[in-house]
PDB file of N, CA and C in Angstrom:
ATOM      1  N   MET A   1       6.427  -1.363 -17.049  1.00  0.00           N
ATOM      2  CA  MET A   1       7.434  -0.767 -16.718  1.00  0.00           C
ATOM      3  C   MET A   1       7.568  -1.446 -14.978  1.00  0.00           C
ATOM      4  N   LYS A   2       8.463  -2.033 -14.700  1.00  0.00           N
ATOM      5  CA  LYS A   2       9.089  -2.151 -13.491  1.00  0.00           C
ATOM      6  C   LYS A   2       9.650  -0.992 -12.701  1.00  0.00           C
ATOM      7  N   LEU A   3       9.298  -1.228 -11.322  1.00  0.00           N
ATOM      8  CA  LEU A   3       9.846  -0.403  -9.932  1.00  0.00           C
ATOM      9  C   LEU A   3      10.322  -0.811  -8.769  1.00  0.00           C
ATOM     10  N   LYS A   4      11.295  -0.709  -8.671  1.00  0.00           N
ATOM     11  CA  LYS A   4      11.972  -1.205  -7.373  1.00  0.00           C
ATOM     12  C   LYS A   4      12.305   0.206  -6.228  1.00  0.00           C
ATOM     13  N   PRO A   5      10.979  -0.474  -5.041  1.00  0.00           N
ATOM     14  CA  PRO A   5      11.313   1.154  -3.892  1.00  0.00           C
ATOM     15  C   PRO A   5      12.732   0.941  -3.654  1.00  0.00           C
ATOM     16  N   LEU A   6      13.187   2.271  -2.861  1.00  0.00           N
ATOM     17  CA  LEU A   6      14.340   2.392  -2.238  1.00  0.00           C
ATOM     18  C   LEU A   6      14.442   2.282  -0.485  1.00  0.00           C
ATOM     19  N   ASN A   7      15.401   1.636  -0.071  1.00  0.00           N
ATOM     20  CA  ASN A   7      14.988   1.632   1.088  1.00  0.00           C
ATOM     21  C   ASN A   7      13.831   1.435   2.256  1.00  0.00           C
ATOM     22  N   ASP A   8      13.060   2.246   2.806  1.00  0.00           N
ATOM     23  CA  ASP A   8      12.003   1.388   3.577  1.00  0.00           C
ATOM     24  C   ASP A   8      10.722   1.479   2.679  1.00  0.00           C
ATOM     25  N   ARG A   9      10.799   1.960   1.760  1.00  0.00           N
ATOM     26  CA  ARG A   9       9.474   2.290   0.933  1.00  0.00           C
ATOM     27  C   ARG A   9       8.766   0.795   0.290  1.00  0.00           C
ATOM     28  N   VAL A  10       7.701   0.866  -0.257  1.00  0.00           N
ATOM     29  CA  VAL A  10       6.979  -0.031  -0.428  1.00  0.00           C
ATOM     30  C   VAL A  10       5.829   0.338  -1.381  1.00  0.00           C
ATOM     31  N   LEU A  11       5.706  -0.620  -2.514  1.00  0.00           N
ATOM     32  CA  LEU A  11       5.196   0.122  -3.946  1.00  0.00           C
ATOM     33  C   LEU A  11       3.545  -1.049  -3.747  1.00  0.00           C
ATOM     34  N   VAL A  12       2.582  -0.141  -3.117  1.00  0.00           N
ATOM     35  CA  VAL A  12       1.164  -1.007  -3.095  1.00  0.00           C
ATOM     36  C   VAL A  12       0.509  -0.616  -4.192  1.00  0.00           C
ATOM     37  N   LYS A  13      -0.614  -1.602  -4.160  1.00  0.00           N
ATOM     38  CA  LYS A  13      -1.645  -1.613  -5.039  1.00  0.00           C
ATOM     39  C   LYS A  13      -3.179  -1.564  -4.489  1.00  0.00           C
ATOM     40  N   ARG A  14      -3.414  -0.274  -4.250  1.00  0.00           N
ATOM     41  CA  ARG A  14      -5.296  -0.444  -3.805  1.00  0.00           C
ATOM     42  C   ARG A  14      -5.855  -1.496  -4.147  1.00  0.00           C
ATOM     43  N   LEU A  15      -6.786  -2.146  -3.108  1.00  0.00           N
ATOM     44  CA  LEU A  15      -7.794  -2.990  -3.319  1.00  0.00           C
ATOM     45  C   LEU A  15      -9.034  -2.443  -3.868  1.00  0.00           C
ATOM     46  N   GLU A  16      -9.906  -2.836  -4.379  1.00  0.00           N
ATOM     47  CA  GLU A  16     -11.670  -2.205  -5.113  1.00  0.00           C
ATOM     48  C   GLU A  16     -12.542  -2.320  -3.568  1.00  0.00           C
ATOM     49  N   SER A  17     -12.546  -1.019  -3.420  1.00  0.00           N
ATOM     50  CA  SER A  17     -13.969  -1.477  -2.380  1.00  0.00           C
ATOM     51  C   SER A  17     -14.861  -2.056  -2.233  1.00  0.00           C
ATOM     52  N   GLU A  18     -15.434  -1.940  -1.606  1.00  0.00           N
ATOM     53  CA  GLU A  18     -17.253  -2.711  -1.503  1.00  0.00           C
ATOM     54  C   GLU A  18     -18.346  -1.517  -2.759  1.00  0.00           C
ATOM     55  N   GLU A  19     -19.008  -2.358  -3.060  1.00  0.00           N
ATOM     56  CA  GLU A  19     -19.742  -1.976  -4.099  1.00  0.00           C
ATOM     57  C   GLU A  19     -21.063  -1.369  -3.286  1.00  0.00           C
ATOM     58  N   LYS A  20     -21.367  -2.407  -2.065  1.00  0.00           N
ATOM     59  CA  LYS A  20     -22.745  -2.290  -1.685  1.00  0.00           C
ATOM     60  C   LYS A  20     -22.557  -2.067   0.072  1.00  0.00           C
ATOM     61  N   THR A  21     -23.103  -1.753   0.699  1.00  0.00           N
ATOM     62  CA  THR A  21     -22.984  -1.630   2.155  1.00  0.00           C
ATOM     63  C   THR A  21     -23.545  -3.079   3.067  1.00  0.00           C
ATOM     64  N   ALA A  22     -23.405  -3.324   4.399  1.00  0.00           N
ATOM     65  CA  ALA A  22     -23.949  -4.717   5.158  1.00  0.00           C
ATOM     66  C   ALA A  22     -25.375  -4.404   4.679  1.00  0.00           C
ATOM     67  N   GLY A  23     -25.927  -3.219   4.662  1.00  0.00           N
ATOM     68  CA  GLY A  23     -27.445  -3.224   4.600  1.00  0.00           C
ATOM     69  C   GLY A  23     -28.186  -3.752   3.527  1.00  0.00           C
ATOM     70  N   GLY A  24     -27.212  -3.818   2.358  1.00  0.00           N
ATOM     71  CA  GLY A  24     -27.290  -3.895   0.951  1.00  0.00           C
ATOM     72  C   GLY A  24     -28.157  -2.596   0.282  1.00  0.00           C
ATOM     73  N   LEU A  25     -27.509  -1.726   0.520  1.00  0.00           N
ATOM     74  CA  LEU A  25     -27.549  -0.436  -0.217  1.00  0.00           C
ATOM     75  C   LEU A  25     -26.429  -0.196  -0.940  1.00  0.00           C
ATOM     76  N   TYR A  26     -26.358   0.025  -2.768  1.00  0.00           N
ATOM     77  CA  TYR A  26     -25.325   0.564  -2.985  1.00  0.00           C
ATOM     78  C   TYR A  26     -24.619   1.753  -2.976  1.00  0.00           C
ATOM     79  N   ILE A  27     -23.251   1.588  -3.277  1.00  0.00           N
ATOM     80  CA  ILE A  27     -22.574   2.906  -2.992  1.00  0.00           C
ATOM     81  C   ILE A  27     -22.238   3.247  -4.318  1.00  0.00           C
ATOM     82  N   PRO A  28     -22.808   4.652  -4.862  1.00  0.00           N
ATOM     83  CA  PRO A  28     -22.364   5.363  -6.301  1.00  0.00           C
ATOM     84  C   PRO A  28     -20.849   5.439  -6.044  1.00  0.00           C
ATOM     85  N   ASP A  29     -20.137   5.615  -7.496  1.00  0.00           N
ATOM     86  CA  ASP A  29     -18.817   5.695  -7.286  1.00  0.00           C
ATOM     87  C   ASP A  29     -18.210   7.537  -6.650  1.00  0.00           C
ATOM     88  N   THR A  30     -19.376   8.025  -6.915  1.00  0.00           N
ATOM     89  CA  THR A  30     -19.123   9.664  -6.299  1.00  0.00           C
ATOM     90  C   THR A  30     -18.994   9.843  -4.849  1.00  0.00           C
ATOM     91  N   ALA A  31     -19.747   8.856  -3.748  1.00  0.00           N
ATOM     92  CA  ALA A  31     -19.708   8.704  -2.849  1.00  0.00           C
ATOM     93  C   ALA A  31     -18.749   7.721  -2.042  1.00  0.00           C
ATOM     94  N   LYS A  32     -17.915   6.962  -2.850  1.00  0.00           N
ATOM     95  CA  LYS A  32     -16.922   5.937  -2.527  1.00  0.00           C
ATOM     96  C   LYS A  32     -15.892   6.821  -2.143  1.00  0.00           C
ATOM     97  N   GLU A  33     -15.251   6.430  -1.334  1.00  0.00           N
ATOM     98  CA  GLU A  33     -13.556   6.756  -0.591  1.00  0.00           C
ATOM     99  C   GLU A  33     -12.971   5.881  -0.752  1.00  0.00           C
ATOM    100  N   LYS A  34     -11.460   6.491  -1.462  1.00  0.00           N
ATOM    101  CA  LYS A  34     -10.664   5.602  -1.783  1.00  0.00           C
ATOM    102  C   LYS A  34     -10.449   4.555  -0.519  1.00  0.00           C
ATOM    103  N   PRO A  35      -9.927   2.867  -0.973  1.00  0.00           N
ATOM    104  CA  PRO A  35      -9.673   2.273   0.031  1.00  0.00           C
ATOM    105  C   PRO A  35      -8.697   2.144   0.577  1.00  0.00           C
ATOM    106  N   SER A  36      -8.379   2.268   1.738  1.00  0.00           N
ATOM    107  CA  SER A  36      -6.890   2.046   2.741  1.00  0.00           C
ATOM    108  C   SER A  36      -6.605   0.671   2.940  1.00  0.00           C
ATOM    109  N   LYS A  37      -6.994  -0.415   1.895  1.00  0.00           N
ATOM    110  CA  LYS A  37      -6.221  -1.407   2.042  1.00  0.00           C
ATOM    111  C   LYS A  37      -5.718  -1.817   0.340  1.00  0.00           C
ATOM    112  N   GLY A  38      -4.226  -2.713   0.706  1.00  0.00           N
ATOM    113  CA  GLY A  38      -4.265  -2.521  -0.538  1.00  0.00           C
ATOM    114  C   GLY A  38      -3.004  -3.882  -0.711  1.00  0.00           C
ATOM    115  N   LYS A  39      -2.794  -4.226  -1.798  1.00  0.00           N
ATOM    116  CA  LYS A  39      -1.743  -5.278  -2.129  1.00  0.00           C
ATOM    117  C   LYS A  39      -0.375  -4.752  -2.046  1.00  0.00           C
ATOM    118  N   VAL A  40       0.884  -5.517  -1.351  1.00  0.00           N
ATOM    119  CA  VAL A  40       1.847  -5.113  -1.738  1.00  0.00           C
ATOM    120  C   VAL A  40       2.546  -5.757  -2.748  1.00  0.00           C
ATOM    121  N   VAL A  41       3.172  -4.701  -4.118  1.00  0.00           N
ATOM    122  CA  VAL A  41       3.466  -5.200  -5.140  1.00  0.00           C
ATOM    123  C   VAL A  41       5.030  -5.470  -4.693  1.00  0.00           C
ATOM    124  N   ALA A  42       6.060  -4.716  -4.799  1.00  0.00           N
ATOM    125  CA  ALA A  42       7.346  -4.707  -4.104  1.00  0.00           C
ATOM    126  C   ALA A  42       7.854  -3.730  -3.149  1.00  0.00           C
ATOM    127  N   VAL A  43       8.733  -4.243  -2.443  1.00  0.00           N
ATOM    128  CA  VAL A  43       9.298  -3.757  -1.085  1.00  0.00           C
ATOM    129  C   VAL A  43      10.890  -3.671  -1.476  1.00  0.00           C
ATOM    130  N   GLY A  44      11.513  -2.440  -0.826  1.00  0.00           N
ATOM    131  CA  GLY A  44      12.606  -2.118  -1.068  1.00  0.00           C
ATOM    132  C   GLY A  44      13.718  -2.974   0.687  1.00  0.00           C
ATOM    133  N   PRO A  45      14.868  -2.551   0.113  1.00  0.00           N
ATOM    134  CA  PRO A  45      15.794  -3.761   0.809  1.00  0.00           C
ATOM    135  C   PRO A  45      15.912  -3.213   2.466  1.00  0.00           C
ATOM    136  N   GLY A  46      14.996  -1.699   2.836  1.00  0.00           N
ATOM    137  CA  GLY A  46      14.960  -2.159   4.182  1.00  0.00           C
ATOM    138  C   GLY A  46      15.673  -0.352   4.764  1.00  0.00           C
ATOM    139  N   LYS A  47      15.452   0.022   5.876  1.00  0.00           N
ATOM    140  CA  LYS A  47      16.211   1.461   6.285  1.00  0.00           C
ATOM    141  C   LYS A  47      17.517   1.044   6.897  1.00  0.00           C
ATOM    142  N   VAL A  48      18.546   1.904   6.328  1.00  0.00           N
ATOM    143  CA  VAL A  48      20.077   1.705   7.400  1.00  0.00           C
ATOM    144  C   VAL A  48      19.414   2.801   8.653  1.00  0.00           C
ATOM    145  N   ALA A  49      20.336   1.838   9.745  1.00  0.00           N
ATOM    146  CA  ALA A  49      20.168   1.988  10.927  1.00  0.00           C
ATOM    147  C   ALA A  49      21.091   2.840  11.299  1.00  0.00           C
ATOM    148  N   ASP A  50      21.381   3.476  12.528  1.00  0.00           N
ATOM    149  CA  ASP A  50      22.767   4.644  12.907  1.00  0.00           C
ATOM    150  C   ASP A  50      24.219   3.966  12.638  1.00  0.00           C
ATOM    151  N   ASN A  51      23.761   2.678  13.535  1.00  0.00           N
ATOM    152  CA  ASN A  51      25.095   1.811  13.169  1.00  0.00           C
ATOM    153  C   ASN A  51      25.723   1.374  11.559  1.00  0.00           C
ATOM    154  N   GLY A  52      24.750   1.545  10.724  1.00  0.00           N
ATOM    155  CA  GLY A  52      25.298   1.293   9.117  1.00  0.00           C
ATOM    156  C   GLY A  52      24.678  -0.019   9.163  1.00  0.00           C
ATOM    157  N   THR A  53      23.751  -0.630   9.964  1.00  0.00           N
ATOM    158  CA  THR A  53      23.733  -1.919   9.476  1.00  0.00           C
ATOM    159  C   THR A  53      22.025  -1.658   8.561  1.00  0.00           C
ATOM    160  N   ARG A  54      21.604  -2.566   7.869  1.00  0.00           N
ATOM    161  CA  ARG A  54      20.221  -2.696   7.181  1.00  0.00           C
ATOM    162  C   ARG A  54      19.073  -3.312   7.868  1.00  0.00           C
ATOM    163  N   VAL A  55      18.028  -2.421   8.315  1.00  0.00           N
ATOM    164  CA  VAL A  55      16.916  -3.269   9.213  1.00  0.00           C
ATOM    165  C   VAL A  55      16.327  -4.031   8.401  1.00  0.00           C
ATOM    166  N   ALA A  56      15.841  -5.383   8.148  1.00  0.00           N
ATOM    167  CA  ALA A  56      14.986  -5.609   7.653  1.00  0.00           C
ATOM    168  C   ALA A  56      13.723  -5.180   7.687  1.00  0.00           C
ATOM    169  N   MET A  57      12.935  -5.585   6.403  1.00  0.00           N
ATOM    170  CA  MET A  57      11.153  -4.688   6.418  1.00  0.00           C
ATOM    171  C   MET A  57      10.420  -6.103   6.921  1.00  0.00           C
ATOM    172  N   ALA A  58       9.422  -5.410   7.674  1.00  0.00           N
ATOM    173  CA  ALA A  58       8.379  -6.182   8.176  1.00  0.00           C
ATOM    174  C   ALA A  58       7.116  -6.778   7.454  1.00  0.00           C
ATOM    175  N   VAL A  59       7.365  -6.117   6.381  1.00  0.00           N
ATOM    176  CA  VAL A  59       6.393  -6.647   5.059  1.00  0.00           C
ATOM    177  C   VAL A  59       6.664  -7.145   3.824  1.00  0.00           C
ATOM    178  N   GLN A  60       6.192  -8.190   3.227  1.00  0.00           N
ATOM    179  CA  GLN A  60       6.615  -8.828   1.811  1.00  0.00           C
ATOM    180  C   GLN A  60       6.345  -8.639   0.965  1.00  0.00           C
ATOM    181  N   GLU A  61       6.073  -8.945  -0.507  1.00  0.00           N
ATOM    182  CA  GLU A  61       5.421  -8.899  -1.318  1.00  0.00           C
ATOM    183  C   GLU A  61       4.453  -9.967  -1.252  1.00  0.00           C
ATOM    184  N   GLY A  62       2.895  -9.331  -1.785  1.00  0.00           N
ATOM    185  CA  GLY A  62       2.167 -10.492  -1.678  1.00  0.00           C
ATOM    186  C   GLY A  62       1.398  -9.972  -0.396  1.00  0.00           C
ATOM    187  N   ASN A  63       2.044  -9.464   0.340  1.00  0.00           N
ATOM    188  CA  ASN A  63       0.853  -9.522   1.970  1.00  0.00           C
ATOM    189  C   ASN A  63       0.021  -8.256   1.639  1.00  0.00           C
ATOM    190  N   GLU A  64      -0.978  -8.640   2.491  1.00  0.00           N
ATOM    191  CA  GLU A  64      -2.454  -7.385   2.395  1.00  0.00           C
ATOM    192  C   GLU A  64      -2.244  -6.497   3.310  1.00  0.00           C
ATOM    193  N   VAL A  65      -2.586  -5.208   3.137  1.00  0.00           N
ATOM    194  CA  VAL A  65      -2.059  -4.508   4.244  1.00  0.00           C
ATOM    195  C   VAL A  65      -3.001  -3.392   4.492  1.00  0.00           C
ATOM    196  N   LEU A  66      -3.343  -2.622   5.697  1.00  0.00           N
ATOM    197  CA  LEU A  66      -3.744  -1.446   6.076  1.00  0.00           C
ATOM    198  C   LEU A  66      -2.785  -0.183   5.968  1.00  0.00           C
ATOM    199  N   PHE A  67      -3.511   0.691   5.394  1.00  0.00           N
ATOM    200  CA  PHE A  67      -2.384   1.676   5.449  1.00  0.00           C
ATOM    201  C   PHE A  67      -3.553   2.957   5.970  1.00  0.00           C
ATOM    202  N   ASN A  68      -2.627   4.577   6.394  1.00  0.00           N
ATOM    203  CA  ASN A  68      -3.041   5.665   6.298  1.00  0.00           C
ATOM    204  C   ASN A  68      -4.022   5.807   5.310  1.00  0.00           C
ATOM    205  N   LYS A  69      -5.100   6.528   5.552  1.00  0.00           N
ATOM    206  CA  LYS A  69      -6.184   7.031   4.321  1.00  0.00           C
ATOM    207  C   LYS A  69      -5.490   8.058   3.564  1.00  0.00           C
ATOM    208  N   TYR A  70      -4.034   8.961   4.181  1.00  0.00           N
ATOM    209  CA  TYR A  70      -3.920  10.082   3.289  1.00  0.00           C
ATOM    210  C   TYR A  70      -2.051   9.774   2.544  1.00  0.00           C
ATOM    211  N   ALA A  71      -1.990   8.323   2.883  1.00  0.00           N
ATOM    212  CA  ALA A  71      -0.492   7.360   3.279  1.00  0.00           C
ATOM    213  C   ALA A  71      -0.186   7.838   1.524  1.00  0.00           C
ATOM    214  N   GLY A  72       1.246   7.887   1.220  1.00  0.00           N
ATOM    215  CA  GLY A  72       2.180   7.457   0.159  1.00  0.00           C
ATOM    216  C   GLY A  72       1.788   8.494  -1.150  1.00  0.00           C
ATOM    217  N   THR A  73       2.629   8.398  -2.319  1.00  0.00           N
ATOM    218  CA  THR A  73       2.278   9.101  -3.282  1.00  0.00           C
ATOM    219  C   THR A  73       1.686   8.028  -4.569  1.00  0.00           C
ATOM    220  N   GLU A  74       0.708   8.732  -4.967  1.00  0.00           N
ATOM    221  CA  GLU A  74       0.318   8.497  -6.079  1.00  0.00           C
ATOM    222  C   GLU A  74       0.962   8.146  -7.457  1.00  0.00           C
ATOM    223  N   VAL A  75       1.020   6.736  -8.088  1.00  0.00           N
ATOM    224  CA  VAL A  75       2.038   6.695  -8.947  1.00  0.00           C
ATOM    225  C   VAL A  75       1.160   5.746 -10.657  1.00  0.00           C
ATOM    226  N   LYS A  76       1.170   6.071 -11.710  1.00  0.00           N
ATOM    227  CA  LYS A  76       0.508   4.993 -12.242  1.00  0.00           C
ATOM    228  C   LYS A  76       1.326   4.684 -13.523  1.00  0.00           C
ATOM    229  N   LEU A  77       1.367   3.235 -13.062  1.00  0.00           N
ATOM    230  CA  LEU A  77       2.224   1.971 -13.690  1.00  0.00           C
ATOM    231  C   LEU A  77       1.450   1.070 -14.588  1.00  0.00           C
ATOM    232  N   ASP A  78       2.175   1.286 -16.352  1.00  0.00           N
ATOM    233  CA  ASP A  78       1.248   0.684 -17.126  1.00  0.00           C
ATOM    234  C   ASP A  78      -0.332   1.074 -16.673  1.00  0.00           C
ATOM    235  N   GLY A  79      -0.581   1.817 -16.592  1.00  0.00           N
ATOM    236  CA  GLY A  79      -2.325   2.287 -16.576  1.00  0.00           C
ATOM    237  C   GLY A  79      -3.024   1.819 -15.225  1.00  0.00           C
ATOM    238  N   VAL A  80      -2.268   1.705 -14.405  1.00  0.00           N
ATOM    239  CA  VAL A  80      -2.798   1.000 -12.817  1.00  0.00           C
ATOM    240  C   VAL A  80      -2.398   1.900 -12.082  1.00  0.00           C
ATOM    241  N   GLU A  81      -3.187   2.398 -11.369  1.00  0.00           N
ATOM    242  CA  GLU A  81      -2.418   3.297 -10.026  1.00  0.00           C
ATOM    243  C   GLU A  81      -2.141   2.231  -8.560  1.00  0.00           C
ATOM    244  N   HIS A  82      -0.973   2.511  -8.485  1.00  0.00           N
ATOM    245  CA  HIS A  82      -0.308   2.438  -7.377  1.00  0.00           C
ATOM    246  C   HIS A  82       0.187   3.411  -6.265  1.00  0.00           C
ATOM    247  N   LEU A  83       0.505   3.080  -4.855  1.00  0.00           N
ATOM    248  CA  LEU A  83       1.049   4.285  -3.866  1.00  0.00           C
ATOM    249  C   LEU A  83       2.193   3.421  -3.774  1.00  0.00           C
ATOM    250  N   VAL A  84       3.298   4.844  -3.343  1.00  0.00           N
ATOM    251  CA  VAL A  84       4.222   4.529  -2.988  1.00  0.00           C
ATOM    252  C   VAL A  84       4.841   4.656  -1.745  1.00  0.00           C
ATOM    253  N   MET A  85       4.623   4.086  -0.512  1.00  0.00           N
ATOM    254  CA  MET A  85       4.914   4.681   1.120  1.00  0.00           C
ATOM    255  C   MET A  85       5.787   4.326   1.740  1.00  0.00           C
ATOM    256  N   ARG A  86       6.171   4.630   2.732  1.00  0.00           N
ATOM    257  CA  ARG A  86       7.309   4.331   3.605  1.00  0.00           C
ATOM    258  C   ARG A  86       6.230   3.133   4.182  1.00  0.00           C
ATOM    259  N   GLU A  87       6.980   2.218   5.077  1.00  0.00           N
ATOM    260  CA  GLU A  87       6.879   1.285   5.719  1.00  0.00           C
ATOM    261  C   GLU A  87       6.285   1.930   6.757  1.00  0.00           C
ATOM    262  N   ASP A  88       6.206   2.993   7.782  1.00  0.00           N
ATOM    263  CA  ASP A  88       5.775   3.297   8.605  1.00  0.00           C
ATOM    264  C   ASP A  88       4.108   3.749   8.568  1.00  0.00           C
ATOM    265  N   ASP A  89       3.658   3.820   7.142  1.00  0.00           N
ATOM    266  CA  ASP A  89       2.751   4.327   6.960  1.00  0.00           C
ATOM    267  C   ASP A  89       1.238   3.481   7.051  1.00  0.00           C
ATOM    268  N   ILE A  90       1.948   1.649   7.006  1.00  0.00           N
ATOM    269  CA  ILE A  90       1.262   0.560   6.688  1.00  0.00           C
ATOM    270  C   ILE A  90       1.218   0.733   8.564  1.00  0.00           C
ATOM    271  N   LEU A  91      -0.489   0.251   8.501  1.00  0.00           N
ATOM    272  CA  LEU A  91      -0.589   0.255  10.062  1.00  0.00           C
ATOM    273  C   LEU A  91      -0.573  -1.387  10.634  1.00  0.00           C
ATOM    274  N   ALA A  92      -1.376  -2.392   9.633  1.00  0.00           N
ATOM    275  CA  ALA A  92      -1.575  -3.373  10.026  1.00  0.00           C
ATOM    276  C   ALA A  92      -0.991  -4.468   8.423  1.00  0.00           C
ATOM    277  N   ILE A  93      -0.498  -5.935   8.934  1.00  0.00           N
ATOM    278  CA  ILE A  93      -0.662  -7.053   7.963  1.00  0.00           C
ATOM    279  C   ILE A  93      -1.602  -7.802   7.754  1.00  0.00           C
ATOM    280  N   ILE A  94      -3.102  -7.987   6.781  1.00  0.00           N
ATOM    281  CA  ILE A  94      -4.235  -9.038   7.042  1.00  0.00           C
ATOM    282  C   ILE A  94      -3.863 -10.244   6.815  1.00  0.00           C
ATOM    283  N   ASP A  95      -3.858 -10.903   7.748  1.00  0.00           N
ATOM    284  CA  ASP A  95      -4.163 -12.427   7.374  1.00  0.00           C
ATOM    285  C   ASP A  95      -4.958 -13.231   6.638  1.00  0.00           C
TER     286      ASP A  95
END
């Protein structure tokens, strides 16, 4: 299934969280938090400004991003969980 976000929305696939801490302790699945880091899979065309022009998106497909912990709406595509969120929910692009 293909999904194309509308306006200023972005489709993000969460990246897996670390299995162990910096000290070498393994984290059980029940104690893991959902990661707030992901990869942009699809990007909408951008928001329409008040004067009718379209504002370009700052993120592009393939970018790794940090986003708010509770951002977006979870959707399942081909058995894989993704998030659909507004561009405003993205905090930073990781280089």
